[in-house]
Amino acid sequence: AQLPADDSGPAPLDPLTHELAHRALELIQVDFEPRTWKAFLLCTVAGRTPTEVAAELGMTAAAVYKAKSRVLLRLRSELDGLLD
């Protein structure tokens, strides 16, 4: 018997959704401090842990979590209604 695939990760984005998200990220980047943006990218894109990112950027892990959360909240706000 075969085991089902591991669905613990996020589902891949279709090309249109990926393009919308990418464009929205470009637009909102200017609204964040460079260190906040870098913390977000290192956690979400590079897949690094908040602890690793905190050590690299001279932040606390809580500050990294907050930075990631703020950017994701803003991204969701920008995309609200576009991806339904």
Protein backbone atom coordinates (compact mmCIF):
# COMPACT_ATOMS: atom_id res chain seq x y z
CA ALA A 1 0.00 0.00 0.00
CA GLN A 2 1.15 3.49 -0.77
CA LEU A 3 1.14 6.27 1.77
CA PRO A 4 -0.46 9.58 0.84
CA ALA A 5 1.84 12.45 0.00
CA ASP A 6 2.90 14.74 2.81
CA ASP A 7 0.53 17.72 2.62
CA SER A 8 2.10 19.62 5.49
CA GLY A 9 3.58 22.33 3.26
CA PRO A 10 1.70 25.04 1.43
CA ALA A 11 0.13 24.18 -1.89
CA PRO A 12 1.99 25.53 -4.92
CA LEU A 13 0.56 28.73 -6.38
CA ASP A 14 -0.88 28.83 -9.87
CA PRO A 15 0.99 31.22 -12.21
CA LEU A 16 -1.55 34.06 -11.95
CA THR A 17 -1.64 33.93 -8.16
CA HIS A 18 2.14 33.78 -8.05
CA GLU A 19 2.42 36.85 -10.30
CA LEU A 20 -0.15 38.81 -8.27
CA ALA A 21 1.64 37.99 -5.01
CA HIS A 22 5.01 38.88 -6.50
CA ARG A 23 3.74 42.24 -7.78
CA ALA A 24 2.03 43.02 -4.48
CA LEU A 25 5.27 42.28 -2.61
CA GLU A 26 7.13 44.69 -4.89
CA LEU A 27 4.56 47.40 -4.19
CA ILE A 28 4.51 47.05 -0.41
CA GLN A 29 8.26 46.65 0.11
CA VAL A 30 8.76 50.42 0.28
CA ASP A 31 6.48 50.59 3.33
CA PHE A 32 8.83 48.53 5.51
CA GLU A 33 12.22 49.13 7.04
CA PRO A 34 15.00 47.19 5.27
CA ARG A 35 15.65 44.97 8.30
CA THR A 36 11.95 44.12 8.63
CA TRP A 37 11.80 43.22 4.94
CA LYS A 38 14.96 41.11 5.14
CA ALA A 39 13.64 39.23 8.18
CA PHE A 40 10.43 38.49 6.28
CA LEU A 41 12.30 37.26 3.19
CA LEU A 42 14.73 35.10 5.13
CA CYS A 43 11.89 33.37 6.98
CA THR A 44 9.34 33.00 4.20
CA VAL A 45 11.41 32.70 1.04
CA ALA A 46 14.66 31.24 2.30
CA GLY A 47 12.87 29.04 4.86
CA ARG A 48 15.18 29.92 7.72
CA THR A 49 14.02 29.77 11.30
CA PRO A 50 13.24 32.97 13.20
CA THR A 51 16.04 32.11 15.63
CA GLU A 52 18.60 31.92 12.80
CA VAL A 53 17.32 35.14 11.23
CA ALA A 54 17.33 36.93 14.59
CA ALA A 55 20.96 36.01 15.20
CA GLU A 56 21.98 37.14 11.72
CA LEU A 57 20.13 40.46 11.84
CA GLY A 58 20.73 41.33 15.48
CA MET A 59 17.07 41.06 16.41
CA THR A 60 15.13 38.99 18.88
CA ALA A 61 13.19 36.00 17.61
CA ALA A 62 10.00 37.77 18.73
CA ALA A 63 10.90 40.77 16.56
CA VAL A 64 11.43 38.46 13.58
CA TYR A 65 8.03 36.84 14.14
CA LYS A 66 6.48 40.30 14.35
CA ALA A 67 8.21 41.47 11.16
CA LYS A 68 7.04 38.41 9.26
CA SER A 69 3.52 38.82 10.59
CA ARG A 70 3.34 42.52 9.68
CA VAL A 71 4.43 41.92 6.09
CA LEU A 72 2.09 38.95 5.64
CA LEU A 73 -0.82 40.92 7.09
CA ARG A 74 -0.14 43.77 4.70
CA LEU A 75 0.19 41.35 1.76
CA ARG A 76 -3.14 39.73 2.61
CA SER A 77 -4.70 43.17 2.80
CA GLU A 78 -3.36 44.09 -0.64
CA LEU A 79 -4.59 40.83 -2.17
CA ASP A 80 -7.96 40.78 -0.39
CA GLY A 81 -10.67 40.06 -2.93
CA LEU A 82 -8.25 39.43 -5.79
CA LEU A 83 -7.67 35.74 -5.10
CA ASP A 84 -11.20 34.55 -4.31
